[in-house]
Amino acid sequence: MNGAETIRVRRSAYGARMPAENPAGEAFAIPVEAPVAIETNGIAYAVMMATPLQIEDFVTGFLMAEGLAAADEVGEVAVHAVDNGDWGAGYVARVNLPPERLGLIVERARRRVGDSSCGICGIEGVEAALRPLPLLTRRSRAGAPAIRRGLDALRAGQVLGRETHATHAAAFCDEAGNVIALREDVGRHNALDKLVGALARAGVDPAQGFIIVTSRCSYELVEKTARAGCPLLVAISAPTDLAVRRARAAGLRLCFVARDDTMLMMPDGAETDEGATPLVEP
């Protein structure tokens, strides 16, 4: 399974004739995108468009975010390739969850094709989309220097992103800002699912650090971070109003528009908590 493919392209100056330095064109890297069908206990649950790397991590994190399984309930993920020639290739990921999960699987089984920008395909009703999140009781001890350190390490670790300029990344850092795990994908939700799944499979507690994502802070990313039990989410871009509301209700700290020199954050009194490290130094 590859994360990127190379195609040949010719550069154009919007109508102006350019010298043909290389008649064969130049090499250009593009990310691989493929349908990944997730089957749980023999039931077709979802088809998601994703970069087919770390599929086992992706399936684990996706099922956890869906509320279908805990970290220790996801069995071995068997991945099978499906090739349709010039029309593309895909993958089927089969996994078994405990028998007591079967009723929920059947109830929420989704047979529609998802895409890399969709976070709640198959959810029926506003109430289901706005169901309460777990309440996070632990505060992150990561301060502003640690977040800056994590941002620098995230950029350095985006191998696929540097190659294609077309993927998102999600990284988990310890409270000193050291990157413990990093995952990339064409979809921002997929990258975070892969990260959460990787942490679960490695036995790493998300409560002991923070997550950085290279995208806007959408409501779905807040959902996935809170359900993973991580107390701090840092985003490169801004949040939506629903993301802010649900983060506040869950006790999830948000930092966003994170740049080299500054970042924004929601003031919620976390800096005054006993033992917590201020995010902005006085």
C-alpha atoms as a PDB file:
ATOM      1  CA  MET A   1       0.000   0.000   0.000  1.00  0.00           C
ATOM      2  CA  ASN A   2       1.364   3.383  -1.009  1.00  0.00           C
ATOM      3  CA  GLY A   3       0.568   6.825   0.330  1.00  0.00           C
ATOM      4  CA  ALA A   4       1.551   8.666  -2.839  1.00  0.00           C
ATOM      5  CA  GLU A   5       1.822   8.099  -6.582  1.00  0.00           C
ATOM      6  CA  THR A   6       3.788  10.036  -9.196  1.00  0.00           C
ATOM      7  CA  ILE A   7       2.268  11.400 -12.394  1.00  0.00           C
ATOM      8  CA  ARG A   8       3.804  13.393 -15.263  1.00  0.00           C
ATOM      9  CA  VAL A   9       2.602  16.970 -15.733  1.00  0.00           C
ATOM     10  CA  ARG A  10       3.437  19.956 -17.916  1.00  0.00           C
ATOM     11  CA  ARG A  11       3.508  23.441 -16.480  1.00  0.00           C
ATOM     12  CA  SER A  12       1.382  26.146 -18.125  1.00  0.00           C
ATOM     13  CA  ALA A  13       1.527  29.937 -17.742  1.00  0.00           C
ATOM     14  CA  TYR A  14      -2.192  30.329 -18.475  1.00  0.00           C
ATOM     15  CA  GLY A  15      -1.886  30.486 -22.224  1.00  0.00           C
ATOM     16  CA  ALA A  16       1.636  31.826 -22.572  1.00  0.00           C
ATOM     17  CA  ARG A  17       3.956  29.496 -24.417  1.00  0.00           C
ATOM     18  CA  MET A  18       6.617  28.090 -22.118  1.00  0.00           C
ATOM     19  CA  PRO A  19       9.853  26.493 -23.265  1.00  0.00           C
ATOM     20  CA  ALA A  20       9.646  22.718 -23.365  1.00  0.00           C
ATOM     21  CA  GLU A  21      12.619  22.000 -21.126  1.00  0.00           C
ATOM     22  CA  ASN A  22      11.387  18.450 -20.649  1.00  0.00           C
ATOM     23  CA  PRO A  23       9.004  17.216 -23.374  1.00  0.00           C
ATOM     24  CA  ALA A  24       8.015  14.278 -21.197  1.00  0.00           C
ATOM     25  CA  GLY A  25       6.850  16.627 -18.448  1.00  0.00           C
ATOM     26  CA  GLU A  26       7.882  16.829 -14.823  1.00  0.00           C
ATOM     27  CA  ALA A  27       7.181  14.414 -11.998  1.00  0.00           C
ATOM     28  CA  PHE A  28       4.432  15.437  -9.589  1.00  0.00           C
ATOM     29  CA  ALA A  29       3.454  13.517  -6.437  1.00  0.00           C
ATOM     30  CA  ILE A  30      -0.232  13.091  -5.585  1.00  0.00           C
ATOM     31  CA  PRO A  31      -1.791  11.360  -2.551  1.00  0.00           C
ATOM     32  CA  VAL A  32      -3.454   7.985  -2.920  1.00  0.00           C
ATOM     33  CA  GLU A  33      -7.191   7.992  -2.211  1.00  0.00           C
ATOM     34  CA  ALA A  34      -9.149   4.746  -2.057  1.00  0.00           C
ATOM     35  CA  PRO A  35     -12.465   3.442  -0.730  1.00  0.00           C
ATOM     36  CA  VAL A  36     -11.998   1.494   2.487  1.00  0.00           C
ATOM     37  CA  ALA A  37     -14.984  -0.712   3.331  1.00  0.00           C
ATOM     38  CA  ILE A  38     -15.286  -1.502   7.032  1.00  0.00           C
ATOM     39  CA  GLU A  39     -17.073  -4.743   7.920  1.00  0.00           C
ATOM     40  CA  THR A  40     -17.811  -5.497  11.559  1.00  0.00           C
ATOM     41  CA  ASN A  41     -18.932  -8.964  12.583  1.00  0.00           C
ATOM     42  CA  GLY A  42     -19.741  -9.750   8.957  1.00  0.00           C
ATOM     43  CA  ILE A  43     -21.905  -6.627   8.544  1.00  0.00           C
ATOM     44  CA  ALA A  44     -21.038  -3.890   6.036  1.00  0.00           C
ATOM     45  CA  TYR A  45     -20.874  -0.819   8.255  1.00  0.00           C
ATOM     46  CA  ALA A  46     -19.281   1.993   6.264  1.00  0.00           C
ATOM     47  CA  VAL A  47     -17.223   2.856   3.195  1.00  0.00           C
ATOM     48  CA  MET A  48     -14.813   5.730   3.740  1.00  0.00           C
ATOM     49  CA  MET A  49     -12.477   7.448   1.285  1.00  0.00           C
ATOM     50  CA  ALA A  50      -9.001   7.429   2.782  1.00  0.00           C
ATOM     51  CA  THR A  51      -5.295   7.183   2.134  1.00  0.00           C
ATOM     52  CA  PRO A  52      -4.652   3.431   2.475  1.00  0.00           C
ATOM     53  CA  LEU A  53      -1.858   3.621   5.034  1.00  0.00           C
ATOM     54  CA  GLN A  54      -2.160   2.289   8.617  1.00  0.00           C
ATOM     55  CA  ILE A  55      -5.623   0.890   7.836  1.00  0.00           C
ATOM     56  CA  GLU A  56      -5.588  -1.106  11.079  1.00  0.00           C
ATOM     57  CA  ASP A  57      -5.121   2.126  13.056  1.00  0.00           C
ATOM     58  CA  PHE A  58      -7.830   3.829  11.002  1.00  0.00           C
ATOM     59  CA  VAL A  59     -10.403   1.089  11.605  1.00  0.00           C
ATOM     60  CA  THR A  60      -9.634   0.984  15.332  1.00  0.00           C
ATOM     61  CA  GLY A  61      -9.943   4.744  15.762  1.00  0.00           C
ATOM     62  CA  PHE A  62     -13.030   4.958  13.550  1.00  0.00           C
ATOM     63  CA  LEU A  63     -14.912   2.306  15.528  1.00  0.00           C
ATOM     64  CA  MET A  64     -13.947   4.000  18.787  1.00  0.00           C
ATOM     65  CA  ALA A  65     -15.175   7.369  17.483  1.00  0.00           C
ATOM     66  CA  GLU A  66     -18.423   5.752  16.385  1.00  0.00           C
ATOM     67  CA  GLY A  67     -18.980   4.513  19.918  1.00  0.00           C
ATOM     68  CA  LEU A  68     -19.011   0.905  18.730  1.00  0.00           C
ATOM     69  CA  ALA A  69     -15.992  -0.325  20.660  1.00  0.00           C
ATOM     70  CA  ALA A  70     -13.525   0.445  23.399  1.00  0.00           C
ATOM     71  CA  ALA A  71      -9.814   0.358  22.696  1.00  0.00           C
ATOM     72  CA  ASP A  72      -9.421  -3.218  23.934  1.00  0.00           C
ATOM     73  CA  GLU A  73     -12.483  -4.542  22.087  1.00  0.00           C
ATOM     74  CA  VAL A  74     -11.213  -4.211  18.531  1.00  0.00           C
ATOM     75  CA  GLY A  75      -9.872  -7.551  17.354  1.00  0.00           C
ATOM     76  CA  GLU A  76      -7.444  -8.271  14.541  1.00  0.00           C
ATOM     77  CA  VAL A  77      -8.140  -6.204  11.427  1.00  0.00           C
ATOM     78  CA  ALA A  78      -7.877  -8.241   8.214  1.00  0.00           C
ATOM     79  CA  VAL A  79      -7.287  -6.056   5.147  1.00  0.00           C
ATOM     80  CA  HIS A  80      -8.020  -7.293   1.622  1.00  0.00           C
ATOM     81  CA  ALA A  81      -7.237  -5.393  -1.589  1.00  0.00           C
ATOM     82  CA  VAL A  82      -9.772  -5.014  -4.403  1.00  0.00           C
ATOM     83  CA  ASP A  83      -8.446  -3.907  -7.810  1.00  0.00           C
ATOM     84  CA  ASN A  84     -10.734  -2.571 -10.536  1.00  0.00           C
ATOM     85  CA  GLY A  85      -8.017  -1.827 -13.054  1.00  0.00           C
ATOM     86  CA  ASP A  86      -8.032   1.654 -14.565  1.00  0.00           C
ATOM     87  CA  TRP A  87     -11.070   2.556 -12.469  1.00  0.00           C
ATOM     88  CA  GLY A  88      -9.136   2.353  -9.235  1.00  0.00           C
ATOM     89  CA  ALA A  89      -8.383   0.120  -6.265  1.00  0.00           C
ATOM     90  CA  GLY A  90      -9.958  -0.247  -2.843  1.00  0.00           C
ATOM     91  CA  TYR A  91      -9.716  -2.210   0.371  1.00  0.00           C
ATOM     92  CA  VAL A  92     -12.010  -4.240   2.595  1.00  0.00           C
ATOM     93  CA  ALA A  93     -11.182  -4.219   6.311  1.00  0.00           C
ATOM     94  CA  ARG A  94     -12.872  -6.949   8.342  1.00  0.00           C
ATOM     95  CA  VAL A  95     -12.911  -6.980  12.129  1.00  0.00           C
ATOM     96  CA  ASN A  96     -14.888  -8.713  14.876  1.00  0.00           C
ATOM     97  CA  LEU A  97     -16.207  -6.910  17.934  1.00  0.00           C
ATOM     98  CA  PRO A  98     -17.621  -8.591  21.074  1.00  0.00           C
ATOM     99  CA  PRO A  99     -21.036 -10.262  20.510  1.00  0.00           C
ATOM    100  CA  GLU A 100     -22.756  -7.801  22.850  1.00  0.00           C
ATOM    101  CA  ARG A 101     -21.939  -5.034  20.349  1.00  0.00           C
ATOM    102  CA  LEU A 102     -23.894  -6.713  17.542  1.00  0.00           C
ATOM    103  CA  GLY A 103     -27.188  -4.981  18.305  1.00  0.00           C
ATOM    104  CA  LEU A 104     -25.605  -1.536  18.109  1.00  0.00           C
ATOM    105  CA  ILE A 105     -23.751  -2.465  14.936  1.00  0.00           C
ATOM    106  CA  VAL A 106     -26.967  -3.528  13.220  1.00  0.00           C
ATOM    107  CA  GLU A 107     -28.814  -0.430  14.451  1.00  0.00           C
ATOM    108  CA  ARG A 108     -26.204   1.976  13.152  1.00  0.00           C
ATOM    109  CA  ALA A 109     -24.920   0.076  10.128  1.00  0.00           C
ATOM    110  CA  ARG A 110     -24.285   2.427   7.249  1.00  0.00           C
ATOM    111  CA  ARG A 111     -24.386   1.355   3.643  1.00  0.00           C
ATOM    112  CA  ARG A 112     -23.657   4.687   2.030  1.00  0.00           C
ATOM    113  CA  VAL A 113     -20.304   5.721   0.611  1.00  0.00           C
ATOM    114  CA  GLY A 114     -18.650   8.307   2.879  1.00  0.00           C
ATOM    115  CA  ASP A 115     -16.042  10.769   1.686  1.00  0.00           C
ATOM    116  CA  SER A 116     -12.969  12.456   3.070  1.00  0.00           C
ATOM    117  CA  SER A 117     -14.885  15.603   4.044  1.00  0.00           C
ATOM    118  CA  CYS A 118     -17.856  13.914   5.721  1.00  0.00           C
ATOM    119  CA  GLY A 119     -18.003  13.363   9.423  1.00  0.00           C
ATOM    120  CA  ILE A 120     -21.537  12.194  10.199  1.00  0.00           C
ATOM    121  CA  CYS A 121     -22.740  10.306   7.121  1.00  0.00           C
ATOM    122  CA  GLY A 122     -25.463   7.856   8.125  1.00  0.00           C
ATOM    123  CA  ILE A 123     -26.463   9.584  11.365  1.00  0.00           C
ATOM    124  CA  GLU A 124     -30.235   9.810  11.593  1.00  0.00           C
ATOM    125  CA  GLY A 125     -31.704  12.831  13.338  1.00  0.00           C
ATOM    126  CA  VAL A 126     -30.342  15.971  14.967  1.00  0.00           C
ATOM    127  CA  GLU A 127     -30.470  14.375  18.412  1.00  0.00           C
ATOM    128  CA  ALA A 128     -28.059  11.632  17.349  1.00  0.00           C
ATOM    129  CA  ALA A 129     -25.654  14.173  15.867  1.00  0.00           C
ATOM    130  CA  LEU A 130     -25.717  16.228  19.080  1.00  0.00           C
ATOM    131  CA  ARG A 131     -25.546  13.402  21.595  1.00  0.00           C
ATOM    132  CA  PRO A 132     -23.589  14.293  24.769  1.00  0.00           C
ATOM    133  CA  LEU A 133     -19.847  13.698  24.913  1.00  0.00           C
ATOM    134  CA  PRO A 134     -17.872  12.195  27.791  1.00  0.00           C
ATOM    135  CA  LEU A 135     -16.920  14.797  30.387  1.00  0.00           C
ATOM    136  CA  LEU A 136     -13.161  15.336  30.559  1.00  0.00           C
ATOM    137  CA  THR A 137     -12.045  15.890  34.138  1.00  0.00           C
ATOM    138  CA  ARG A 138      -8.274  16.078  33.652  1.00  0.00           C
ATOM    139  CA  ARG A 139      -6.541  19.318  32.627  1.00  0.00           C
ATOM    140  CA  SER A 140      -3.557  19.259  30.333  1.00  0.00           C
ATOM    141  CA  ARG A 141      -0.298  20.412  31.916  1.00  0.00           C
ATOM    142  CA  ALA A 142       1.149  21.358  28.531  1.00  0.00           C
ATOM    143  CA  GLY A 143       2.144  25.018  28.381  1.00  0.00           C
ATOM    144  CA  ALA A 144       2.710  27.349  25.448  1.00  0.00           C
ATOM    145  CA  PRO A 145       6.355  26.302  24.898  1.00  0.00           C
ATOM    146  CA  ALA A 146       5.282  22.659  24.663  1.00  0.00           C
ATOM    147  CA  ILE A 147       2.611  23.498  22.098  1.00  0.00           C
ATOM    148  CA  ARG A 148       5.114  25.444  20.012  1.00  0.00           C
ATOM    149  CA  ARG A 149       7.520  22.515  20.227  1.00  0.00           C
ATOM    150  CA  GLY A 150       4.777  20.164  19.100  1.00  0.00           C
ATOM    151  CA  LEU A 151       3.881  22.370  16.127  1.00  0.00           C
ATOM    152  CA  ASP A 152       7.503  22.374  14.964  1.00  0.00           C
ATOM    153  CA  ALA A 153       7.753  18.593  15.324  1.00  0.00           C
ATOM    154  CA  LEU A 154       4.461  18.099  13.483  1.00  0.00           C
ATOM    155  CA  ARG A 155       5.729  20.034  10.472  1.00  0.00           C
ATOM    156  CA  ALA A 156       8.958  18.059  10.459  1.00  0.00           C
ATOM    157  CA  GLY A 157       7.075  14.769  10.607  1.00  0.00           C
ATOM    158  CA  GLN A 158       4.675  15.351   7.706  1.00  0.00           C
ATOM    159  CA  VAL A 159       6.480  13.188   5.149  1.00  0.00           C
ATOM    160  CA  LEU A 160       3.435  12.590   2.946  1.00  0.00           C
ATOM    161  CA  GLY A 161       2.340  16.209   3.256  1.00  0.00           C
ATOM    162  CA  ARG A 162       5.693  17.524   2.055  1.00  0.00           C
ATOM    163  CA  GLU A 163       5.647  15.098  -0.854  1.00  0.00           C
ATOM    164  CA  THR A 164       2.105  15.807  -2.075  1.00  0.00           C
ATOM    165  CA  HIS A 165       1.028  19.149  -0.515  1.00  0.00           C
ATOM    166  CA  ALA A 166      -2.456  17.621  -0.313  1.00  0.00           C
ATOM    167  CA  THR A 167      -2.866  15.742   2.971  1.00  0.00           C
ATOM    168  CA  HIS A 168      -3.802  16.448   6.567  1.00  0.00           C
ATOM    169  CA  ALA A 169      -1.956  15.281   9.667  1.00  0.00           C
ATOM    170  CA  ALA A 170      -2.801  14.636  13.302  1.00  0.00           C
ATOM    171  CA  ALA A 171      -0.151  14.242  15.995  1.00  0.00           C
ATOM    172  CA  PHE A 172      -0.235  13.269  19.655  1.00  0.00           C
ATOM    173  CA  CYS A 173       2.339  14.983  21.870  1.00  0.00           C
ATOM    174  CA  ASP A 174       3.291  14.389  25.456  1.00  0.00           C
ATOM    175  CA  GLU A 175       2.986  17.317  27.853  1.00  0.00           C
ATOM    176  CA  ALA A 176       6.525  18.424  27.028  1.00  0.00           C
ATOM    177  CA  GLY A 177       5.616  18.759  23.337  1.00  0.00           C
ATOM    178  CA  ASN A 178       7.382  15.647  22.041  1.00  0.00           C
ATOM    179  CA  VAL A 179       5.513  13.915  19.217  1.00  0.00           C
ATOM    180  CA  ILE A 180       4.637  10.371  20.285  1.00  0.00           C
ATOM    181  CA  ALA A 181       2.618   9.418  17.188  1.00  0.00           C
ATOM    182  CA  LEU A 182       1.708  11.078  13.893  1.00  0.00           C
ATOM    183  CA  ARG A 183      -0.662   9.981  11.131  1.00  0.00           C
ATOM    184  CA  GLU A 184      -1.480  11.486   7.704  1.00  0.00           C
ATOM    185  CA  ASP A 185      -4.422  11.121   5.331  1.00  0.00           C
ATOM    186  CA  VAL A 186      -6.337  12.961   2.611  1.00  0.00           C
ATOM    187  CA  GLY A 187      -9.145  13.404   5.142  1.00  0.00           C
ATOM    188  CA  ARG A 188      -8.735  15.366   8.355  1.00  0.00           C
ATOM    189  CA  HIS A 189     -11.145  13.028  10.171  1.00  0.00           C
ATOM    190  CA  ASN A 190      -9.295   9.990   8.887  1.00  0.00           C
ATOM    191  CA  ALA A 191      -5.935  11.322  10.085  1.00  0.00           C
ATOM    192  CA  LEU A 192      -7.342  11.779  13.585  1.00  0.00           C
ATOM    193  CA  ASP A 193      -9.027   8.349  13.552  1.00  0.00           C
ATOM    194  CA  LYS A 194      -5.705   6.798  12.544  1.00  0.00           C
ATOM    195  CA  LEU A 195      -3.942   8.637  15.363  1.00  0.00           C
ATOM    196  CA  VAL A 196      -6.465   7.606  18.029  1.00  0.00           C
ATOM    197  CA  GLY A 197      -6.342   4.039  16.749  1.00  0.00           C
ATOM    198  CA  ALA A 198      -2.543   4.012  16.839  1.00  0.00           C
ATOM    199  CA  LEU A 199      -2.549   5.221  20.447  1.00  0.00           C
ATOM    200  CA  ALA A 200      -5.102   2.590  21.432  1.00  0.00           C
ATOM    201  CA  ARG A 201      -3.163  -0.221  19.761  1.00  0.00           C
ATOM    202  CA  ALA A 202       0.050   0.928  21.452  1.00  0.00           C
ATOM    203  CA  GLY A 203      -1.559   1.309  24.870  1.00  0.00           C
ATOM    204  CA  VAL A 204      -0.852   5.061  25.070  1.00  0.00           C
ATOM    205  CA  ASP A 205      -3.219   7.107  27.265  1.00  0.00           C
ATOM    206  CA  PRO A 206      -4.444  10.204  25.338  1.00  0.00           C
ATOM    207  CA  ALA A 207      -5.147  11.948  28.658  1.00  0.00           C
ATOM    208  CA  GLN A 208      -1.398  12.336  29.193  1.00  0.00           C
ATOM    209  CA  GLY A 209      -0.813  14.764  26.318  1.00  0.00           C
ATOM    210  CA  PHE A 210      -2.456  16.794  23.592  1.00  0.00           C
ATOM    211  CA  ILE A 211      -3.457  16.487  19.937  1.00  0.00           C
ATOM    212  CA  ILE A 212      -2.532  18.811  17.067  1.00  0.00           C
ATOM    213  CA  VAL A 213      -4.436  18.798  13.763  1.00  0.00           C
ATOM    214  CA  THR A 214      -3.575  20.561  10.507  1.00  0.00           C
ATOM    215  CA  SER A 215      -7.081  21.724   9.696  1.00  0.00           C
ATOM    216  CA  ARG A 216      -9.941  23.841  10.895  1.00  0.00           C
ATOM    217  CA  CYS A 217     -11.248  22.827  14.292  1.00  0.00           C
ATOM    218  CA  SER A 218     -14.512  21.256  13.148  1.00  0.00           C
ATOM    219  CA  TYR A 219     -17.138  19.788  15.416  1.00  0.00           C
ATOM    220  CA  GLU A 220     -16.206  16.250  14.336  1.00  0.00           C
ATOM    221  CA  LEU A 221     -12.609  16.680  15.463  1.00  0.00           C
ATOM    222  CA  VAL A 222     -13.816  17.914  18.849  1.00  0.00           C
ATOM    223  CA  GLU A 223     -16.035  14.810  19.060  1.00  0.00           C
ATOM    224  CA  LYS A 224     -13.220  12.403  18.255  1.00  0.00           C
ATOM    225  CA  THR A 225     -10.750  14.091  20.622  1.00  0.00           C
ATOM    226  CA  ALA A 226     -13.192  14.150  23.534  1.00  0.00           C
ATOM    227  CA  ARG A 227     -14.244  10.536  23.000  1.00  0.00           C
ATOM    228  CA  ALA A 228     -10.583   9.539  22.959  1.00  0.00           C
ATOM    229  CA  GLY A 229     -10.174  11.176  26.382  1.00  0.00           C
ATOM    230  CA  CYS A 230      -7.617  13.807  25.356  1.00  0.00           C
ATOM    231  CA  PRO A 231      -7.965  17.113  27.302  1.00  0.00           C
ATOM    232  CA  LEU A 232      -6.381  19.544  24.800  1.00  0.00           C
ATOM    233  CA  LEU A 233      -6.863  20.008  21.042  1.00  0.00           C
ATOM    234  CA  VAL A 234      -4.652  22.386  19.041  1.00  0.00           C
ATOM    235  CA  ALA A 235      -5.721  23.309  15.500  1.00  0.00           C
ATOM    236  CA  ILE A 236      -3.942  25.210  12.760  1.00  0.00           C
ATOM    237  CA  SER A 237      -7.161  26.930  11.705  1.00  0.00           C
ATOM    238  CA  ALA A 238     -10.258  28.303  13.441  1.00  0.00           C
ATOM    239  CA  PRO A 239     -13.152  26.430  15.067  1.00  0.00           C
ATOM    240  CA  THR A 240     -16.838  26.499  14.219  1.00  0.00           C
ATOM    241  CA  ASP A 241     -19.369  27.680  16.772  1.00  0.00           C
ATOM    242  CA  LEU A 242     -20.621  24.136  17.338  1.00  0.00           C
ATOM    243  CA  ALA A 243     -17.074  22.940  17.951  1.00  0.00           C
ATOM    244  CA  VAL A 244     -16.627  25.615  20.625  1.00  0.00           C
ATOM    245  CA  ARG A 245     -19.960  24.882  22.304  1.00  0.00           C
ATOM    246  CA  ARG A 246     -19.399  21.147  22.485  1.00  0.00           C
ATOM    247  CA  ALA A 247     -15.781  21.506  23.573  1.00  0.00           C
ATOM    248  CA  ARG A 248     -16.896  23.724  26.466  1.00  0.00           C
ATOM    249  CA  ALA A 249     -19.604  21.258  27.475  1.00  0.00           C
ATOM    250  CA  ALA A 250     -17.136  18.358  27.434  1.00  0.00           C
ATOM    251  CA  GLY A 251     -14.352  20.233  29.242  1.00  0.00           C
ATOM    252  CA  LEU A 252     -12.049  20.022  26.217  1.00  0.00           C
ATOM    253  CA  ARG A 253      -9.529  22.859  25.954  1.00  0.00           C
ATOM    254  CA  LEU A 254      -9.156  24.373  22.486  1.00  0.00           C
ATOM    255  CA  CYS A 255      -6.219  26.289  21.051  1.00  0.00           C
ATOM    256  CA  PHE A 256      -6.524  27.366  17.430  1.00  0.00           C
ATOM    257  CA  VAL A 257      -5.093  29.505  14.632  1.00  0.00           C
ATOM    258  CA  ALA A 258      -1.799  28.194  15.987  1.00  0.00           C
ATOM    259  CA  ARG A 259       1.114  29.956  14.305  1.00  0.00           C
ATOM    260  CA  ASP A 260       4.837  30.325  14.956  1.00  0.00           C
ATOM    261  CA  ASP A 261       4.361  33.484  17.013  1.00  0.00           C
ATOM    262  CA  THR A 262       0.847  33.326  18.476  1.00  0.00           C
ATOM    263  CA  MET A 263      -2.235  31.188  18.989  1.00  0.00           C
ATOM    264  CA  LEU A 264      -5.783  31.774  20.152  1.00  0.00           C
ATOM    265  CA  MET A 265      -7.519  29.890  22.913  1.00  0.00           C
ATOM    266  CA  MET A 266     -10.787  29.741  24.795  1.00  0.00           C
ATOM    267  CA  PRO A 267     -10.418  31.319  28.244  1.00  0.00           C
ATOM    268  CA  ASP A 268     -12.070  28.879  30.610  1.00  0.00           C
ATOM    269  CA  GLY A 269     -10.111  29.319  33.813  1.00  0.00           C
ATOM    270  CA  ALA A 270      -7.845  26.335  33.198  1.00  0.00           C
ATOM    271  CA  GLU A 271      -4.773  28.429  33.962  1.00  0.00           C
ATOM    272  CA  THR A 272      -5.898  28.848  37.552  1.00  0.00           C
ATOM    273  CA  ASP A 273      -6.382  25.124  38.172  1.00  0.00           C
ATOM    274  CA  GLU A 274      -4.026  23.774  40.796  1.00  0.00           C
ATOM    275  CA  GLY A 275      -1.018  22.185  39.149  1.00  0.00           C
ATOM    276  CA  ALA A 276      -1.945  23.274  35.624  1.00  0.00           C
ATOM    277  CA  THR A 277       0.593  25.038  33.439  1.00  0.00           C
ATOM    278  CA  PRO A 278      -0.508  28.364  31.944  1.00  0.00           C
ATOM    279  CA  LEU A 279      -0.905  28.201  28.185  1.00  0.00           C
ATOM    280  CA  VAL A 280       0.123  31.839  27.923  1.00  0.00           C
ATOM    281  CA  GLU A 281       3.036  32.862  30.050  1.00  0.00           C
ATOM    282  CA  PRO A 282       2.502  36.037  32.131  1.00  0.00           C
END
